[in-house]
Amino acid sequence: MNSPAHGSRRVIRWISPGLVAGWIGLASQGAFPAIVTDSGLVEGKTDSSVTVFKGLPFAMPPVGRLRWRAPEPPAAWQGVREASTFSPRCPQTGAYPPESPQEPTSEDCLYLNVWVPNGSPSTPLPVMVWFYGGALENGSASIPLYWGNRLAEHGVIVVSANYRLGALGFLAHPALSRESDMRVSGNYGLLDQIAALQWVQRNIAAFGGDPGRITIFGQSSGAISVSALVVSPLAKGLFQRAIGESGGLFEPLTIAREYSLRGAEAEGIDFVRQSGAGTLEHLRQMPVAELLKVPFHPHVVIDGFALRASPYDVYAGGQQNDVDILVGSNATEGRLFLGGKSITVNNYTQILSADFPSMLVRLLAPSPGDNGATALAAAGAFEGDMRFRWDMWTWARLAARTGSKGVYFYEFARAPPLAGTSRYFDMGATHGMEMPYVFGHLEPPAASWTSADNKLSATMQSYWTNFAKTGDPNGRGLPQWPDFRSSPKLVMMLGEQVQAEHIPNEQSLRRINRLYWLVHAGTEHLVAVSLIAIAPVAAVLGGAGFAYRRWRRRPRVREAHAM
């Protein structure tokens, strides 16, 4: 891509030593808490425990000629930049989580925020970089849920970064590929994340951070981004640890044509046709509001540049960026995706077939039992297994098998004490419910939080920040969390009790795994499979492959409709 913000291809801006000396002189006089970045001087806002720097640019605004181009280095500025206001969020069609407060929106959105604990540490601090979820369609680095002040109190620096979303972040098109140095397109949002990590590498030492101890973490599509970054050659060396909360990309993407560059370009051709733009120049001139009206279902692209192969294939070949891994999901993830649907034994298959191909439902779904309660529980379990649990379990297993670093696997099982008016009421530990605990934001009136909730939140913050510090979540006073590379492979349950247990309902995950193995093997060795497979297996393979392709082509109900 043109001017990719990566490694030696990035233009480094050197600031005049005399200017730096003048800035440091002002700071030493106590005029303001000033930090020297490679673009200029920034001033944060300090409270009793942390100093926060809001809205720091890590790339040029991706507008005009830079729309649908790789991020370019930010412009330098003179004087002091007051970093006291969050930037606008990137253009999007909604919000994630849906109850998030309203924020201004702008295409000029490539900014990040930094929370630094007050005090004078004897050694540089570890850094945690957050990438938000929202189906790659919605989300913001600045909503109060993601504020890093509570985590920073545990002795880490927290960074949250915006990245482009929707078509602005993930549109591929032959014309865009032709104008790129690397002859690829799409993945602009992923390149934004990489540019943010490069900014952290260059600048975080000035904030007291350790560029050799960077942890990336994200939830939902933010965790999917983490799973992509862990296998991206462009991200190699930019971080040492990764946390994925309920999101990964380990399904057999080789049969999902839209994930290939040519398939994504075909989607882009259809997008341009629907937009009415006659040329790429016209498309770049279209108002954002008009672009957002055109249907588009964003996803990363296996383009041979940012992503050379699917995360599964990269991990299976031991070619991933070998970093410490902490991943997991929530006990009742799938309940969110059933919403207010009334599920009975009789309509069980029909309800699930609205979200998944009927072939997969017939092959993999558990029995609905004999009443509405058992049918609802079985449907929720199947939704959660298919959308999240299998991905996270597979991620942990692959990392343990082909990596050399620590692997830690969890299941969040606490049902927050939510008010009856909450959209999540009576869904238990469903999708996203771990985030207030991780960030330490158990504030009313969201729920009637108890001492047990506060204790669990403190425990999880300790686990997450210990992992950022050392690559091992364990620490004094905490229940022992075993490395997933050990035997037996245990999951750390984070709920009423915090303890290591055998993986609940692992047989369901193994059923999904067997089918995906058949699909994967069939695409890799189609001739051999056709010669040796008996007819029922061949039928299952062909039918499952067709069903899987149809599922991947559906609008992203897997995430977007529930977000």
Protein backbone atom coordinates (compact mmCIF):
# COMPACT_ATOMS: atom_id res chain seq x y z
CA MET A 1 0.00 0.00 0.00
CA ASN A 2 1.09 3.57 -0.50
CA SER A 3 3.38 4.78 2.26
CA PRO A 4 2.62 1.99 4.71
CA ALA A 5 3.23 3.13 8.26
CA HIS A 6 5.58 0.28 9.02
CA GLY A 7 9.22 -0.17 9.96
CA SER A 8 11.84 1.43 7.77
CA ARG A 9 9.23 2.67 5.30
CA ARG A 10 7.95 5.17 7.82
CA VAL A 11 9.22 8.77 7.55
CA ILE A 12 10.75 9.72 10.89
CA ARG A 13 10.47 13.36 11.86
CA TRP A 14 13.42 14.66 13.82
CA ILE A 15 12.70 17.60 16.07
CA SER A 16 15.26 20.35 16.49
CA PRO A 17 17.43 19.71 19.58
CA GLY A 18 17.22 23.41 20.42
CA LEU A 19 13.44 23.28 20.36
CA VAL A 20 13.43 20.20 22.57
CA ALA A 21 15.75 21.93 25.05
CA GLY A 22 13.39 24.89 25.21
CA TRP A 23 10.39 22.65 25.87
CA ILE A 24 12.18 20.74 28.60
CA GLY A 25 13.19 24.04 30.17
CA LEU A 26 9.57 25.14 30.36
CA ALA A 27 8.54 21.81 31.85
CA SER A 28 11.30 21.96 34.47
CA GLN A 29 9.94 25.32 35.61
CA GLY A 30 6.68 23.60 36.54
CA ALA A 31 4.67 25.45 33.91
CA PHE A 32 2.90 22.23 32.83
CA PRO A 33 3.33 18.45 32.84
CA ALA A 34 4.91 18.27 29.37
CA ILE A 35 5.88 15.24 27.29
CA VAL A 36 8.03 15.37 24.17
CA THR A 37 6.69 13.18 21.34
CA ASP A 38 8.16 12.86 17.88
CA SER A 39 5.50 15.28 16.58
CA GLY A 40 5.65 17.89 19.31
CA LEU A 41 5.08 18.71 22.94
CA VAL A 42 1.90 17.52 24.70
CA GLU A 43 0.34 18.47 28.00
CA GLY A 44 -1.97 16.13 29.86
CA LYS A 45 -4.50 16.54 32.64
CA THR A 46 -3.67 15.22 36.09
CA ASP A 47 -6.02 14.04 38.83
CA SER A 48 -5.31 12.32 42.13
CA SER A 49 -4.04 9.05 40.65
CA VAL A 50 -3.32 9.38 36.92
CA THR A 51 -2.44 11.81 34.17
CA VAL A 52 -4.45 11.38 30.98
CA PHE A 53 -3.45 12.59 27.54
CA LYS A 54 -6.47 12.71 25.26
CA GLY A 55 -6.64 12.95 21.50
CA LEU A 56 -2.99 12.48 20.50
CA PRO A 57 -2.66 12.08 16.70
CA PHE A 58 -0.82 8.97 15.55
CA ALA A 59 -1.48 9.49 11.82
CA MET A 60 -2.52 12.12 9.35
CA PRO A 61 -6.28 12.62 8.99
CA PRO A 62 -7.40 9.97 6.44
CA VAL A 63 -9.39 12.42 4.34
CA GLY A 64 -9.33 13.56 0.72
CA ARG A 65 -6.51 11.80 -1.13
CA LEU A 66 -5.74 9.77 2.03
CA ARG A 67 -9.17 8.14 2.14
CA TRP A 68 -8.51 4.43 1.50
CA ARG A 69 -4.77 4.73 1.85
CA ALA A 70 -2.43 3.36 4.48
CA PRO A 71 -1.99 5.74 7.44
CA GLU A 72 0.73 8.35 7.08
CA PRO A 73 2.78 9.91 9.93
CA PRO A 74 1.13 12.82 11.75
CA ALA A 75 2.24 16.38 11.06
CA ALA A 76 4.51 18.07 13.60
CA TRP A 77 3.25 21.09 15.50
CA GLN A 78 4.82 24.09 17.16
CA GLY A 79 4.37 24.92 20.82
CA VAL A 80 2.36 22.85 23.27
CA ARG A 81 -0.62 20.68 22.32
CA GLU A 82 -3.17 20.61 25.12
CA ALA A 83 -4.29 16.98 25.28
CA SER A 84 -7.43 17.51 27.35
CA THR A 85 -10.19 16.61 24.87
CA PHE A 86 -11.03 13.29 23.30
CA SER A 87 -11.05 13.19 19.52
CA PRO A 88 -14.18 12.42 17.51
CA ARG A 89 -14.90 8.79 16.90
CA CYS A 90 -14.56 7.36 13.41
CA PRO A 91 -17.63 7.38 11.10
CA GLN A 92 -20.08 4.58 11.89
CA THR A 93 -23.71 3.61 11.69
CA GLY A 94 -24.43 3.10 15.38
CA ALA A 95 -22.50 2.69 18.62
CA TYR A 96 -20.84 -0.09 20.58
CA PRO A 97 -21.87 -0.90 23.18
CA PRO A 98 -25.30 0.38 22.05
CA GLU A 99 -25.85 2.26 25.32
CA SER A 100 -22.61 4.24 24.95
CA PRO A 101 -22.93 8.03 25.25
CA GLN A 102 -23.18 10.07 22.09
CA GLU A 103 -19.88 11.39 20.72
CA PRO A 104 -18.95 13.67 17.84
CA THR A 105 -17.99 11.81 14.66
CA SER A 106 -15.44 12.74 12.03
CA GLU A 107 -13.35 11.13 9.34
CA ASP A 108 -10.44 12.90 11.06
CA CYS A 109 -10.37 10.33 13.85
CA LEU A 110 -6.93 8.68 14.04
CA TYR A 111 -6.06 9.63 17.60
CA LEU A 112 -5.19 7.77 20.76
CA ASN A 113 -5.42 8.35 24.51
CA VAL A 114 -2.84 7.60 27.21
CA TRP A 115 -3.40 7.07 30.94
CA VAL A 116 -0.22 7.26 33.04
CA PRO A 117 -0.15 6.51 36.78
CA ASN A 118 1.17 9.36 38.89
CA GLY A 119 4.42 8.98 40.78
CA SER A 120 8.00 8.24 39.91
CA PRO A 121 8.47 4.54 39.13
CA SER A 122 11.96 3.15 39.45
CA THR A 123 11.67 1.28 36.15
CA PRO A 124 9.70 1.87 32.96
CA LEU A 125 6.09 0.70 33.17
CA PRO A 126 4.39 -1.99 31.06
CA VAL A 127 1.88 -0.72 28.51
CA MET A 128 -1.57 -2.04 27.59
CA VAL A 129 -3.03 -0.97 24.21
CA TRP A 130 -6.80 -1.40 23.83
CA PHE A 131 -8.67 -2.01 20.56
CA TYR A 132 -12.45 -1.72 20.85
CA GLY A 133 -15.08 -4.08 19.47
CA GLY A 134 -18.22 -3.38 17.46
CA ALA A 135 -18.19 -5.70 14.43
CA LEU A 136 -15.61 -3.45 12.71
CA GLU A 137 -18.61 -1.18 12.08
CA ASN A 138 -18.97 0.71 15.37
CA GLY A 139 -16.87 1.62 18.40
CA SER A 140 -14.77 4.31 20.02
CA ALA A 141 -11.57 4.51 22.05
CA SER A 142 -13.01 7.22 24.30
CA ILE A 143 -16.22 5.93 25.90
CA PRO A 144 -16.14 5.91 29.73
CA LEU A 145 -16.26 2.10 29.87
CA TYR A 146 -12.77 2.02 28.32
CA TRP A 147 -11.16 4.76 30.37
CA GLY A 148 -7.85 3.39 31.63
CA ASN A 149 -7.60 5.19 34.97
CA ARG A 150 -8.45 2.17 37.13
CA LEU A 151 -6.10 -0.21 35.33
CA ALA A 152 -3.34 2.42 35.45
CA GLU A 153 -3.61 2.44 39.24
CA HIS A 154 -2.20 -1.11 39.08
CA GLY A 155 1.10 0.18 37.72
CA VAL A 156 0.60 0.08 33.96
CA ILE A 157 0.18 2.66 31.22
CA VAL A 158 -3.05 2.26 29.26
CA VAL A 159 -3.48 3.36 25.63
CA SER A 160 -6.72 3.28 23.64
CA ALA A 161 -6.69 3.97 19.90
CA ASN A 162 -9.28 4.67 17.22
CA TYR A 163 -9.17 2.91 13.87
CA ARG A 164 -11.21 3.25 10.70
CA LEU A 165 -14.44 1.27 10.51
CA GLY A 166 -16.87 -0.03 7.92
CA ALA A 167 -16.14 0.65 4.27
CA LEU A 168 -13.74 3.45 5.21
CA GLY A 169 -11.65 0.90 7.09
CA PHE A 170 -11.98 -2.30 5.08
CA LEU A 171 -13.01 -1.60 1.48
CA ALA A 172 -10.98 -3.47 -1.14
CA HIS A 173 -11.24 -2.67 -4.84
CA PRO A 174 -9.10 -3.39 -7.91
CA ALA A 175 -8.51 0.34 -8.50
CA LEU A 176 -7.34 0.79 -4.91
CA SER A 177 -5.02 -2.21 -5.28
CA ARG A 178 -3.55 -0.85 -8.51
CA GLU A 179 -2.60 2.47 -6.93
CA SER A 180 -0.94 0.69 -3.97
CA ASP A 181 2.80 0.02 -3.95
CA MET A 182 2.02 -3.49 -2.69
CA ARG A 183 -0.88 -4.02 -5.11
CA VAL A 184 -3.34 -4.68 -2.27
CA SER A 185 -6.30 -2.92 -0.69
CA GLY A 186 -8.59 -3.27 2.30
CA ASN A 187 -7.26 -3.72 5.86
CA TYR A 188 -6.95 0.06 6.37
CA GLY A 189 -8.38 -0.30 9.87
CA LEU A 190 -5.84 -3.02 10.66
CA LEU A 191 -3.04 -0.79 9.35
CA ASP A 192 -4.35 1.98 11.62
CA GLN A 193 -3.92 -0.35 14.59
CA ILE A 194 -0.38 -1.14 13.48
CA ALA A 195 0.37 2.58 13.08
CA ALA A 196 -0.89 3.17 16.63
CA LEU A 197 1.43 0.43 17.91
CA GLN A 198 4.34 1.98 16.02
CA TRP A 199 3.53 5.33 17.64
CA VAL A 200 3.61 3.59 21.01
CA GLN A 201 6.97 2.02 20.22
CA ARG A 202 8.46 5.39 19.27
CA ASN A 203 6.95 7.55 22.00
CA ILE A 204 5.85 5.60 25.06
CA ALA A 205 9.26 5.80 26.77
CA ALA A 206 8.71 9.57 27.08
CA PHE A 207 5.57 8.80 29.12
CA GLY A 208 7.49 6.41 31.39
CA GLY A 209 6.53 3.27 29.48
CA ASP A 210 8.58 0.25 28.47
CA PRO A 211 8.46 -0.38 24.69
CA GLY A 212 9.70 -3.90 25.40
CA ARG A 213 6.57 -4.74 27.44
CA ILE A 214 3.59 -3.94 25.24
CA THR A 215 0.34 -5.89 25.61
CA ILE A 216 -2.45 -5.54 23.08
CA PHE A 217 -5.95 -6.37 24.24
CA GLY A 218 -9.41 -6.19 22.76
CA GLN A 219 -12.95 -7.51 22.96
CA SER A 220 -15.26 -8.95 20.30
CA SER A 221 -14.07 -7.58 16.92
CA GLY A 222 -11.28 -5.90 18.89
CA ALA A 223 -10.16 -9.39 19.89
CA ILE A 224 -10.56 -10.52 16.28
CA SER A 225 -8.17 -7.68 15.45
CA VAL A 226 -5.79 -8.98 18.11
CA SER A 227 -5.90 -12.45 16.51
CA ALA A 228 -5.02 -10.83 13.18
CA LEU A 229 -2.20 -8.72 14.64
CA VAL A 230 -0.65 -11.76 16.28
CA VAL A 231 -0.19 -13.32 12.83
CA SER A 232 0.59 -10.17 10.84
CA PRO A 233 4.20 -9.84 9.67
CA LEU A 234 3.78 -6.05 9.82
CA ALA A 235 3.12 -6.23 13.58
CA LYS A 236 6.14 -8.41 14.41
CA GLY A 237 8.07 -6.98 17.35
CA LEU A 238 5.52 -4.27 18.14
CA PHE A 239 4.11 -6.10 21.19
CA GLN A 240 5.11 -8.95 23.48
CA ARG A 241 1.74 -10.12 24.85
CA ALA A 242 -1.85 -10.34 23.66
CA ILE A 243 -5.24 -10.62 25.38
CA GLY A 244 -8.33 -11.66 23.43
CA GLU A 245 -11.76 -11.35 25.04
CA SER A 246 -14.52 -13.16 23.13
CA GLY A 247 -13.31 -12.83 19.57
CA GLY A 248 -10.98 -14.63 17.18
CA LEU A 249 -10.73 -15.53 13.52
CA PHE A 250 -9.84 -19.21 13.42
CA GLU A 251 -12.59 -20.70 11.24
CA PRO A 252 -11.52 -22.24 7.89
CA LEU A 253 -11.42 -19.02 5.87
CA THR A 254 -10.08 -20.74 2.77
CA ILE A 255 -13.68 -21.54 1.77
CA ALA A 256 -14.88 -18.00 2.46
CA ARG A 257 -13.90 -16.32 -0.81
CA GLU A 258 -14.61 -12.81 0.44
CA TYR A 259 -11.63 -13.08 2.81
CA SER A 260 -9.24 -13.41 -0.12
CA LEU A 261 -8.05 -10.25 -1.85
CA ARG A 262 -9.86 -11.07 -5.09
CA GLY A 263 -13.06 -11.92 -3.25
CA ALA A 264 -12.88 -8.71 -1.19
CA GLU A 265 -12.24 -6.72 -4.36
CA ALA A 266 -15.38 -8.25 -5.88
CA GLU A 267 -17.32 -7.08 -2.84
CA GLY A 268 -15.76 -3.64 -3.35
CA ILE A 269 -16.90 -3.54 -6.99
CA ASP A 270 -20.45 -4.21 -5.82
CA PHE A 271 -20.13 -1.51 -3.15
CA VAL A 272 -19.00 1.08 -5.72
CA ARG A 273 -21.83 0.07 -8.04
CA GLN A 274 -24.38 0.56 -5.28
CA SER A 275 -22.83 3.90 -4.29
CA GLY A 276 -23.33 5.33 -7.76
CA ALA A 277 -19.73 6.58 -7.94
CA GLY A 278 -18.31 6.38 -11.42
CA THR A 279 -14.63 6.64 -10.49
CA LEU A 280 -12.34 6.25 -7.51
CA GLU A 281 -11.90 10.02 -7.48
CA HIS A 282 -15.66 10.45 -7.26
CA LEU A 283 -15.82 7.87 -4.45
CA ARG A 284 -13.18 9.80 -2.48
CA GLN A 285 -15.21 12.97 -2.88
CA MET A 286 -18.50 11.48 -1.68
CA PRO A 287 -19.73 12.76 1.70
CA VAL A 288 -19.27 10.27 4.52
CA ALA A 289 -23.01 10.32 5.24
CA GLU A 290 -23.68 9.04 1.73
CA LEU A 291 -21.05 6.30 1.99
CA LEU A 292 -22.57 5.04 5.24
CA LYS A 293 -25.89 4.46 3.47
CA VAL A 294 -24.35 1.85 1.16
CA PRO A 295 -24.55 -1.70 2.61
CA PHE A 296 -21.12 -3.07 3.52
CA HIS A 297 -20.00 -5.87 5.81
CA PRO A 298 -16.43 -5.21 6.95
CA HIS A 299 -13.83 -7.88 7.58
CA VAL A 300 -10.08 -8.25 7.37
CA VAL A 301 -8.59 -9.46 4.09
CA ILE A 302 -5.98 -12.17 3.54
CA ASP A 303 -4.07 -9.88 1.18
CA GLY A 304 -0.57 -11.37 1.24
CA PHE A 305 0.79 -8.20 2.83
CA ALA A 306 -0.75 -7.40 6.20
CA LEU A 307 -2.07 -10.97 6.43
CA ARG A 308 -0.32 -13.70 4.47
CA ALA A 309 -2.68 -16.48 5.53
CA SER A 310 -5.55 -17.11 7.92
CA PRO A 311 -4.75 -17.01 11.65
CA TYR A 312 -5.46 -20.75 11.90
CA ASP A 313 -3.03 -21.61 9.11
CA VAL A 314 -0.33 -19.28 10.43
CA TYR A 315 -0.59 -20.76 13.93
CA ALA A 316 -0.75 -24.34 12.62
CA GLY A 317 2.52 -23.70 10.80
CA GLY A 318 4.13 -22.09 13.85
CA GLN A 319 4.67 -18.83 11.94
CA GLN A 320 2.81 -16.49 14.32
CA ASN A 321 4.38 -13.63 16.22
CA ASP A 322 5.31 -15.74 19.25
CA VAL A 323 3.91 -13.78 22.19
CA ASP A 324 2.31 -14.60 25.52
CA ILE A 325 -1.44 -15.21 25.14
CA LEU A 326 -4.39 -14.76 27.52
CA VAL A 327 -7.74 -15.54 25.88
CA GLY A 328 -11.24 -16.60 26.81
CA SER A 329 -14.96 -16.07 26.53
CA ASN A 330 -18.07 -15.70 28.66
CA ALA A 331 -20.28 -18.47 30.01
CA THR A 332 -23.52 -17.39 28.33
CA GLU A 333 -22.18 -15.46 25.32
CA GLY A 334 -24.96 -16.64 23.04
CA ARG A 335 -27.88 -15.30 25.05
CA LEU A 336 -27.30 -11.78 23.69
CA PHE A 337 -27.80 -13.00 20.14
CA LEU A 338 -31.16 -14.56 20.94
CA GLY A 339 -32.50 -11.24 22.19
CA GLY A 340 -36.18 -11.39 23.06
CA LYS A 341 -36.92 -14.45 20.94
CA SER A 342 -39.31 -16.99 22.39
CA ILE A 343 -37.68 -20.39 21.94
CA THR A 344 -39.53 -23.66 22.25
CA VAL A 345 -38.71 -27.26 21.53
CA ASN A 346 -40.77 -27.01 18.33
CA ASN A 347 -39.18 -23.83 16.88
CA TYR A 348 -35.66 -24.51 18.17
CA THR A 349 -34.15 -25.57 14.84
CA GLN A 350 -35.95 -22.80 12.95
CA ILE A 351 -34.64 -20.10 15.33
CA LEU A 352 -31.06 -21.32 15.10
CA SER A 353 -31.29 -21.69 11.32
CA ALA A 354 -31.99 -17.98 11.09
CA ASP A 355 -28.44 -17.36 12.34
CA PHE A 356 -26.62 -20.44 11.03
CA PRO A 357 -27.02 -22.72 8.02
CA SER A 358 -29.48 -25.51 8.75
CA MET A 359 -26.76 -28.03 7.78
CA LEU A 360 -24.59 -26.84 10.68
CA VAL A 361 -27.56 -26.78 13.06
CA ARG A 362 -28.50 -30.37 12.21
CA LEU A 363 -24.91 -31.57 12.55
CA LEU A 364 -23.79 -29.69 15.63
CA ALA A 365 -26.59 -28.24 17.73
CA PRO A 366 -27.34 -29.97 21.05
CA SER A 367 -30.74 -31.41 21.86
CA PRO A 368 -33.33 -28.78 22.84
CA GLY A 369 -34.53 -30.95 25.68
CA ASP A 370 -38.21 -31.23 26.56
CA ASN A 371 -39.29 -27.70 27.52
CA GLY A 372 -38.78 -24.02 26.76
CA ALA A 373 -36.15 -23.51 29.45
CA THR A 374 -33.94 -26.33 28.18
CA ALA A 375 -34.45 -25.19 24.57
CA LEU A 376 -33.38 -21.64 25.45
CA ALA A 377 -30.29 -22.90 27.30
CA ALA A 378 -29.33 -25.21 24.43
CA ALA A 379 -29.81 -22.45 21.82
CA GLY A 380 -27.74 -20.00 23.86
CA ALA A 381 -24.98 -22.57 24.30
CA PHE A 382 -24.88 -23.30 20.55
CA GLU A 383 -24.78 -19.59 19.67
CA GLY A 384 -21.93 -19.03 22.12
CA ASP A 385 -19.96 -22.08 20.99
CA MET A 386 -20.22 -21.20 17.31
CA ARG A 387 -19.53 -17.49 17.65
CA PHE A 388 -16.89 -17.37 20.38
CA ARG A 389 -16.04 -20.39 22.53
CA TRP A 390 -14.64 -22.54 19.71
CA ASP A 391 -12.46 -19.68 18.44
CA MET A 392 -10.99 -18.93 21.87
CA TRP A 393 -10.46 -22.62 22.72
CA THR A 394 -8.81 -23.17 19.33
CA TRP A 395 -6.62 -20.10 19.76
CA ALA A 396 -5.41 -21.36 23.14
CA ARG A 397 -4.80 -24.88 21.83
CA LEU A 398 -2.86 -23.70 18.77
CA ALA A 399 -0.73 -21.28 20.80
CA ALA A 400 0.04 -24.02 23.31
CA ARG A 401 0.96 -26.45 20.53
CA THR A 402 3.14 -24.32 18.25
CA GLY A 403 4.28 -21.41 20.41
CA SER A 404 6.94 -21.16 23.08
CA LYS A 405 5.34 -18.51 25.32
CA GLY A 406 2.76 -18.65 28.09
CA VAL A 407 -0.89 -19.44 27.30
CA TYR A 408 -3.73 -18.69 29.73
CA PHE A 409 -7.36 -19.61 29.10
CA TYR A 410 -10.38 -18.25 30.99
CA GLU A 411 -14.16 -18.33 31.15
CA PHE A 412 -15.99 -15.37 32.68
CA ALA A 413 -19.04 -16.72 34.54
CA ARG A 414 -20.32 -13.87 36.72
CA ALA A 415 -23.88 -12.68 36.02
CA PRO A 416 -23.82 -8.92 36.73
CA PRO A 417 -26.62 -7.71 39.04
CA LEU A 418 -28.26 -5.63 36.32
CA ALA A 419 -31.46 -3.65 36.66
CA GLY A 420 -34.61 -5.10 35.12
CA THR A 421 -34.61 -2.28 32.58
CA SER A 422 -31.22 -3.30 31.15
CA ARG A 423 -31.14 -4.80 27.65
CA TYR A 424 -28.89 -7.50 29.15
CA PHE A 425 -31.15 -8.36 32.09
CA ASP A 426 -31.48 -12.09 32.73
CA MET A 427 -28.82 -12.95 30.12
CA GLY A 428 -26.20 -13.89 32.70
CA ALA A 429 -22.53 -13.66 31.73
CA THR A 430 -23.32 -12.81 28.13
CA HIS A 431 -21.24 -11.09 25.46
CA GLY A 432 -19.40 -8.03 26.76
CA MET A 433 -20.28 -8.47 30.43
CA GLU A 434 -16.64 -8.91 31.49
CA MET A 435 -15.58 -5.44 30.34
CA PRO A 436 -16.73 -3.40 33.38
CA TYR A 437 -14.82 -5.87 35.57
CA VAL A 438 -11.66 -5.67 33.46
CA PHE A 439 -11.62 -1.87 33.39
CA GLY A 440 -12.82 -1.50 36.99
CA HIS A 441 -15.83 0.60 36.10
CA LEU A 442 -18.50 -0.89 38.33
CA GLU A 443 -20.36 2.37 38.71
CA PRO A 444 -24.07 2.85 39.39
CA PRO A 445 -26.69 3.07 37.99
CA ALA A 446 -25.70 0.33 35.52
CA ALA A 447 -26.14 -2.35 38.18
CA SER A 448 -26.50 -2.89 41.91
CA TRP A 449 -22.89 -3.90 42.30
CA THR A 450 -21.97 -5.92 45.37
CA SER A 451 -18.78 -6.54 47.30
CA ALA A 452 -18.46 -9.82 45.39
CA ASP A 453 -18.49 -7.89 42.10
CA ASN A 454 -15.87 -5.46 43.36
CA LYS A 455 -13.69 -8.32 44.56
CA LEU A 456 -13.93 -10.12 41.22
CA SER A 457 -13.13 -6.90 39.36
CA ALA A 458 -10.06 -6.32 41.52
CA THR A 459 -8.94 -9.91 40.91
CA MET A 460 -9.37 -9.63 37.15
CA GLN A 461 -7.57 -6.28 37.01
CA SER A 462 -4.69 -7.89 38.90
CA TYR A 463 -4.62 -10.86 36.54
CA TRP A 464 -4.71 -8.67 33.42
CA THR A 465 -2.06 -6.21 34.65
CA ASN A 466 0.19 -8.94 36.07
CA PHE A 467 0.08 -10.56 32.65
CA ALA A 468 1.06 -7.23 31.08
CA LYS A 469 3.97 -6.93 33.49
CA THR A 470 5.46 -10.42 33.24
CA GLY A 471 3.51 -12.56 30.78
CA ASP A 472 2.05 -14.50 33.73
CA PRO A 473 -1.25 -13.42 35.39
CA ASN A 474 -0.37 -15.03 38.71
CA GLY A 475 0.63 -12.98 41.72
CA ARG A 476 0.58 -12.80 45.48
CA GLY A 477 -2.83 -13.47 47.02
CA LEU A 478 -4.43 -14.63 43.76
CA PRO A 479 -5.80 -18.12 43.03
CA GLN A 480 -3.30 -20.04 40.91
CA TRP A 481 -3.97 -19.82 37.17
CA PRO A 482 -2.29 -22.76 35.38
CA ASP A 483 -0.56 -22.35 32.04
CA PHE A 484 -2.67 -23.98 29.32
CA ARG A 485 0.44 -25.74 28.05
CA SER A 486 0.41 -27.93 31.15
CA SER A 487 -1.61 -31.13 31.50
CA PRO A 488 -4.51 -31.43 32.03
CA LYS A 489 -5.58 -28.33 30.09
CA LEU A 490 -7.71 -26.31 32.48
CA VAL A 491 -9.75 -23.14 32.16
CA MET A 492 -9.70 -20.40 34.81
CA MET A 493 -13.27 -19.78 35.89
CA LEU A 494 -13.89 -16.14 36.80
CA GLY A 495 -17.20 -16.03 38.61
CA GLU A 496 -18.71 -16.81 42.00
CA GLN A 497 -15.56 -18.80 42.55
CA VAL A 498 -12.21 -18.04 40.95
CA GLN A 499 -10.55 -21.37 40.31
CA ALA A 500 -9.10 -23.63 37.61
CA GLU A 501 -11.51 -26.27 36.31
CA HIS A 502 -11.97 -28.71 33.48
CA ILE A 503 -13.38 -27.01 30.38
CA PRO A 504 -17.21 -27.06 30.55
CA ASN A 505 -18.98 -28.93 27.75
CA GLU A 506 -15.74 -29.47 25.85
CA GLN A 507 -17.37 -32.24 23.84
CA SER A 508 -19.43 -29.61 21.99
CA LEU A 509 -16.26 -27.76 21.01
CA ARG A 510 -14.73 -31.02 19.80
CA ARG A 511 -17.75 -31.71 17.57
CA ILE A 512 -17.35 -28.30 15.93
CA ASN A 513 -13.63 -28.92 15.66
CA ARG A 514 -14.11 -32.23 13.83
CA LEU A 515 -16.38 -30.61 11.25
CA TYR A 516 -14.04 -27.67 10.72
CA TRP A 517 -11.14 -30.09 10.37
CA LEU A 518 -13.03 -31.90 7.61
CA VAL A 519 -13.75 -28.61 5.85
CA HIS A 520 -10.13 -27.48 6.20
CA ALA A 521 -8.75 -30.83 5.07
CA GLY A 522 -11.18 -30.92 2.17
CA THR A 523 -10.03 -27.57 0.84
CA GLU A 524 -6.36 -28.44 1.26
CA HIS A 525 -6.51 -32.00 -0.12
CA LEU A 526 -9.71 -32.15 -2.13
CA VAL A 527 -8.61 -34.88 -4.55
CA ALA A 528 -7.26 -37.18 -1.86
CA VAL A 529 -10.34 -36.72 0.29
CA SER A 530 -12.62 -37.48 -2.66
CA LEU A 531 -10.74 -40.71 -3.32
CA ILE A 532 -10.62 -42.04 0.21
CA ALA A 533 -13.73 -40.61 1.84
CA ILE A 534 -16.81 -42.77 2.04
CA ALA A 535 -19.99 -41.30 0.62
CA PRO A 536 -21.49 -40.00 3.91
CA VAL A 537 -18.29 -38.17 4.80
CA ALA A 538 -18.05 -36.69 1.32
CA ALA A 539 -21.65 -35.53 1.57
CA VAL A 540 -21.06 -33.95 4.95
CA LEU A 541 -17.89 -32.25 3.69
CA GLY A 542 -19.54 -30.86 0.58
CA GLY A 543 -22.72 -29.81 2.36
CA ALA A 544 -20.90 -28.30 5.31
CA GLY A 545 -18.55 -26.43 3.02
CA PHE A 546 -21.46 -24.98 1.05
CA ALA A 547 -23.32 -24.10 4.24
CA TYR A 548 -20.25 -22.52 5.76
CA ARG A 549 -19.64 -20.35 2.69
CA ARG A 550 -23.27 -19.24 2.76
CA TRP A 551 -23.00 -18.41 6.46
CA ARG A 552 -19.85 -16.32 5.98
CA ARG A 553 -21.55 -14.39 3.15
CA ARG A 554 -24.49 -13.42 5.36
CA PRO A 555 -24.68 -9.91 6.81
CA ARG A 556 -22.64 -9.89 9.98
CA VAL A 557 -25.45 -10.92 12.29
CA ARG A 558 -22.70 -12.82 14.07
CA GLU A 559 -21.89 -9.57 15.78
CA ALA A 560 -23.43 -6.45 14.32
CA HIS A 561 -27.09 -7.03 15.02
CA ALA A 562 -26.48 -7.59 18.71
CA MET A 563 -23.94 -4.87 19.23
